[in-house]
């Protein structure tokens, strides 16, 4: 498969996100200033044009709009429309490119009709906990749990196959999370915490310190 990132950096800024290390290395090589994760996003403004050329010259494989270096639905997407432009290019390509879009933002709802018009697409949401107080502690600028579940219901109602990514496992009822996912998605990817990155303070809070333990993460993943 290929990954596609219309943006680099992230204003949602989950401090445990492993993308910050990858982007930090690239910024250092490019001699760009090293600024805090969550404080910047770079927009690849010509991404749709470049993508159109690449799709025309490349054999189809699955495409993933995936937060390896950024969420595809940054707040600035409202202004630039780069993710939407890329989706339109994929829809109009001569060949079918199976596409997966993963986000923590409600902005994907704007593109529900466009996604539904694509020949092969799945829409997904990252949801590491069912407890919104926990979400607020770790992901204060991400959509709420109810909003993320609402996104999945809306996409499903538009005829778009839905999926969820649970990574890392954060505190909250596993049974309630499993029930919510069973009602809203057809597949789930589960993975554990791979280092706390910049979220030492969040994970060191007494209510959450156990959740950074590798065994705790694995037990929860197996339970889910």
Protein backbone atom coordinates (compact mmCIF):
# COMPACT_ATOMS: atom_id res chain seq x y z
CA UNK A 1 0.00 0.00 0.00
CA UNK A 2 0.90 3.68 -0.21
CA UNK A 3 0.44 6.34 2.46
CA UNK A 4 -0.74 9.81 1.55
CA UNK A 5 -0.25 12.83 3.83
CA UNK A 6 -1.66 16.13 2.54
CA UNK A 7 -0.26 17.81 5.66
CA UNK A 8 2.84 17.42 7.84
CA UNK A 9 2.67 18.27 11.51
CA UNK A 10 -0.56 18.38 13.47
CA UNK A 11 -2.58 20.99 15.31
CA UNK A 12 -4.60 18.31 17.12
CA UNK A 13 -1.29 17.62 18.84
CA UNK A 14 -1.82 14.44 20.89
CA UNK A 15 1.38 14.48 22.90
CA UNK A 16 1.86 10.70 22.88
CA UNK A 17 1.74 10.60 19.05
CA UNK A 18 4.75 8.79 17.57
CA UNK A 19 4.53 10.93 14.42
CA UNK A 20 6.31 13.76 16.22
CA UNK A 21 9.57 11.80 16.34
CA UNK A 22 9.43 10.97 12.63
CA UNK A 23 8.59 14.52 11.65
CA UNK A 24 11.19 15.89 14.05
CA UNK A 25 13.95 13.97 12.26
CA UNK A 26 12.80 15.28 8.88
CA UNK A 27 12.59 18.86 10.13
CA UNK A 28 16.10 18.58 11.57
CA UNK A 29 17.46 17.31 8.24
CA UNK A 30 15.75 20.19 6.45
CA UNK A 31 17.16 22.64 9.03
CA UNK A 32 13.70 23.78 9.99
CA UNK A 33 13.10 25.07 13.53
CA UNK A 34 12.30 22.40 16.12
CA UNK A 35 9.01 23.62 17.58
CA UNK A 36 6.58 21.84 19.93
CA UNK A 37 4.34 19.15 18.48
CA UNK A 38 0.85 20.53 18.08
CA UNK A 39 2.00 24.07 17.30
CA UNK A 40 2.42 23.81 13.53
CA UNK A 41 1.19 22.16 10.35
CA UNK A 42 2.74 22.34 6.89
CA UNK A 43 0.31 22.23 3.97
CA UNK A 44 1.34 20.40 0.81
CA UNK A 45 -0.63 22.80 -1.35
CA UNK A 46 0.12 21.10 -4.69
CA UNK A 47 -0.58 17.57 -3.44
CA UNK A 48 -3.65 16.99 -5.69
CA UNK A 49 -1.71 17.92 -8.83
CA UNK A 50 1.26 15.76 -7.89
CA UNK A 51 -1.05 12.90 -6.95
CA UNK A 52 -2.85 13.05 -10.31
CA UNK A 53 0.44 12.62 -12.14
CA UNK A 54 1.56 9.79 -9.88
CA UNK A 55 -1.70 7.84 -10.15
CA UNK A 56 -1.56 8.05 -13.94
CA UNK A 57 1.94 6.57 -13.96
CA UNK A 58 1.63 3.95 -11.20
CA UNK A 59 -0.06 0.56 -10.85
CA UNK A 60 -2.93 0.73 -8.34
CA UNK A 61 -2.42 -0.29 -4.74
CA UNK A 62 -4.39 0.63 -1.63
CA UNK A 63 -3.94 4.22 -0.48
CA UNK A 64 -4.00 5.22 3.19
CA UNK A 65 -4.71 8.75 4.38
CA UNK A 66 -3.13 7.94 7.69
CA UNK A 67 -1.63 9.96 10.58
CA UNK A 68 1.91 8.69 10.02
CA UNK A 69 2.99 12.35 9.86
CA UNK A 70 -0.34 14.16 10.17
CA UNK A 71 -4.12 13.83 10.45
CA UNK A 72 -5.64 14.44 6.98
CA UNK A 73 -8.34 16.66 8.47
CA UNK A 74 -6.40 19.49 10.06
CA UNK A 75 -8.37 22.63 10.88
CA UNK A 76 -6.65 24.36 7.94
CA UNK A 77 -8.26 21.82 5.60
CA UNK A 78 -11.34 24.07 5.76
CA UNK A 79 -9.23 26.76 4.08
CA UNK A 80 -7.01 24.77 1.73
CA UNK A 81 -9.14 21.74 0.83
CA UNK A 82 -6.07 19.63 0.05
CA UNK A 83 -7.44 16.36 1.40
CA UNK A 84 -10.69 16.93 -0.48
CA UNK A 85 -8.75 17.70 -3.66
CA UNK A 86 -6.77 14.47 -3.31
CA UNK A 87 -9.95 12.46 -2.78
CA UNK A 88 -11.44 13.97 -5.94
CA UNK A 89 -8.31 12.98 -7.89
CA UNK A 90 -8.58 9.41 -6.62
CA UNK A 91 -12.30 9.27 -7.47
CA UNK A 92 -11.66 10.50 -11.01
CA UNK A 93 -8.58 8.34 -11.71
CA UNK A 94 -8.67 5.92 -14.64
CA UNK A 95 -8.01 2.98 -12.31
CA UNK A 96 -9.64 2.07 -9.00
CA UNK A 97 -7.45 2.91 -6.00
CA UNK A 98 -8.86 1.37 -2.78
CA UNK A 99 -8.65 4.17 -0.22
CA UNK A 100 -8.72 4.33 3.59
CA UNK A 101 -9.12 7.62 5.47
CA UNK A 102 -8.34 7.77 9.20
CA UNK A 103 -8.94 10.83 11.38
CA UNK A 104 -9.61 12.23 14.86
CA UNK A 105 -11.62 15.12 13.43
CA UNK A 106 -15.30 15.71 12.63
CA UNK A 107 -14.31 17.57 9.46
CA UNK A 108 -14.46 14.29 7.54
CA UNK A 109 -18.26 14.63 7.74
CA UNK A 110 -18.03 17.45 5.19
CA UNK A 111 -16.72 14.94 2.64
CA UNK A 112 -19.22 12.14 3.30
CA UNK A 113 -20.94 12.56 -0.08
CA UNK A 114 -17.59 12.67 -1.88
CA UNK A 115 -16.38 9.54 -0.09
CA UNK A 116 -19.64 7.77 -0.92
CA UNK A 117 -19.09 8.58 -4.61
CA UNK A 118 -15.69 6.86 -4.69
CA UNK A 119 -15.50 3.33 -6.11
CA UNK A 120 -13.59 1.79 -3.18
CA UNK A 121 -13.23 3.64 0.11
CA UNK A 122 -13.34 3.13 3.88
CA UNK A 123 -13.68 5.83 6.52
CA UNK A 124 -12.18 5.42 9.96
CA UNK A 125 -11.74 7.10 13.31
CA UNK A 126 -9.08 6.73 15.97
CA UNK A 127 -10.76 6.08 19.33
CA UNK A 128 -8.46 4.93 22.16
CA UNK A 129 -11.06 5.17 24.97
CA UNK A 130 -14.80 5.30 25.51
CA UNK A 131 -14.39 7.69 28.47
CA UNK A 132 -14.48 11.30 27.29
CA UNK A 133 -12.82 12.59 30.46
CA UNK A 134 -9.84 10.40 29.60
CA UNK A 135 -9.96 11.62 26.00
CA UNK A 136 -9.99 15.20 27.24
CA UNK A 137 -6.93 14.52 29.41
CA UNK A 138 -4.85 13.00 26.60
CA UNK A 139 -6.39 14.51 23.43
CA UNK A 140 -7.87 17.89 24.43
CA UNK A 141 -7.99 19.20 20.85
CA UNK A 142 -9.42 16.06 19.29
CA UNK A 143 -13.12 15.46 18.69
CA UNK A 144 -15.05 14.10 21.67
CA UNK A 145 -15.83 10.39 21.95
CA UNK A 146 -19.49 11.03 21.13
CA UNK A 147 -18.48 13.11 18.09
CA UNK A 148 -16.19 10.36 16.82
CA UNK A 149 -18.88 7.74 17.19
CA UNK A 150 -21.25 10.16 15.45
CA UNK A 151 -18.80 10.41 12.55
CA UNK A 152 -18.79 6.64 12.19
CA UNK A 153 -22.58 6.47 12.27
CA UNK A 154 -22.87 9.23 9.67
CA UNK A 155 -20.36 7.58 7.34
CA UNK A 156 -22.04 4.22 7.75
CA UNK A 157 -25.41 5.81 7.05
CA UNK A 158 -23.95 7.20 3.81
CA UNK A 159 -23.04 3.67 2.75
CA UNK A 160 -19.32 3.99 3.51
CA UNK A 161 -17.64 0.97 5.18
CA UNK A 162 -16.24 2.08 8.53
CA UNK A 163 -13.33 1.04 10.72
CA UNK A 164 -11.67 2.14 13.95
CA UNK A 165 -8.12 2.25 15.24
CA UNK A 166 -7.59 1.76 18.97
CA UNK A 167 -4.04 2.88 19.69
CA UNK A 168 -2.88 3.26 22.36
CA UNK A 169 -5.22 1.68 24.88
CA UNK A 170 -6.30 4.36 27.35
CA UNK A 171 -8.32 3.89 30.57
CA UNK A 172 -12.06 3.39 30.29
CA UNK A 173 -14.52 0.51 30.08
CA UNK A 174 -13.37 -2.10 27.58
CA UNK A 175 -16.86 -3.62 27.44
CA UNK A 176 -18.47 -0.25 26.64
CA UNK A 177 -15.81 0.48 24.02
CA UNK A 178 -16.31 -2.92 22.41
CA UNK A 179 -20.09 -2.43 22.34
CA UNK A 180 -19.75 1.03 20.78
CA UNK A 181 -17.37 -0.23 18.11
CA UNK A 182 -19.57 -3.23 17.34
CA UNK A 183 -22.43 -0.83 16.58
CA UNK A 184 -20.45 1.53 14.35
CA UNK A 185 -17.66 -0.29 12.47
CA UNK A 186 -16.98 -3.46 10.53
CA UNK A 187 -13.31 -3.78 11.47
CA UNK A 188 -10.95 -2.62 14.24
CA UNK A 189 -7.18 -2.32 14.40
CA UNK A 190 -5.76 -2.60 17.92
CA UNK A 191 -2.24 -1.66 18.99
CA UNK A 192 -0.46 -0.70 22.20
CA UNK A 193 1.45 2.36 23.36
CA UNK A 194 4.91 2.61 21.81
CA UNK A 195 6.51 5.07 24.19
CA UNK A 196 4.96 8.10 25.86
CA UNK A 197 6.79 10.57 23.55
CA UNK A 198 5.93 14.05 24.87
CA UNK A 199 3.11 12.92 27.16
CA UNK A 200 5.13 12.19 30.31
CA UNK A 201 3.05 14.62 32.35
CA UNK A 202 -0.25 13.14 31.18
CA UNK A 203 0.79 9.55 31.86
CA UNK A 204 2.40 10.41 35.22
CA UNK A 205 -0.88 11.70 36.63
CA UNK A 206 -1.92 9.30 39.46
CA UNK A 207 -5.12 8.22 37.70
CA UNK A 208 -3.24 7.24 34.53
CA UNK A 209 0.26 6.16 35.51
CA UNK A 210 -0.57 2.44 35.25
CA UNK A 211 -1.68 2.82 31.65
CA UNK A 212 1.84 3.44 30.32
CA UNK A 213 2.96 -0.01 31.52
CA UNK A 214 3.55 -2.47 28.68
CA UNK A 215 1.79 -5.35 30.45
CA UNK A 216 -1.24 -3.15 31.20
CA UNK A 217 -1.44 -2.15 27.54
CA UNK A 218 -1.21 -5.76 26.36
CA UNK A 219 -3.83 -7.04 28.81
CA UNK A 220 -6.27 -4.38 27.64
CA UNK A 221 -5.58 -5.10 23.98
CA UNK A 222 -6.23 -8.81 24.50
CA UNK A 223 -9.43 -8.05 26.45
CA UNK A 224 -10.74 -5.76 23.70
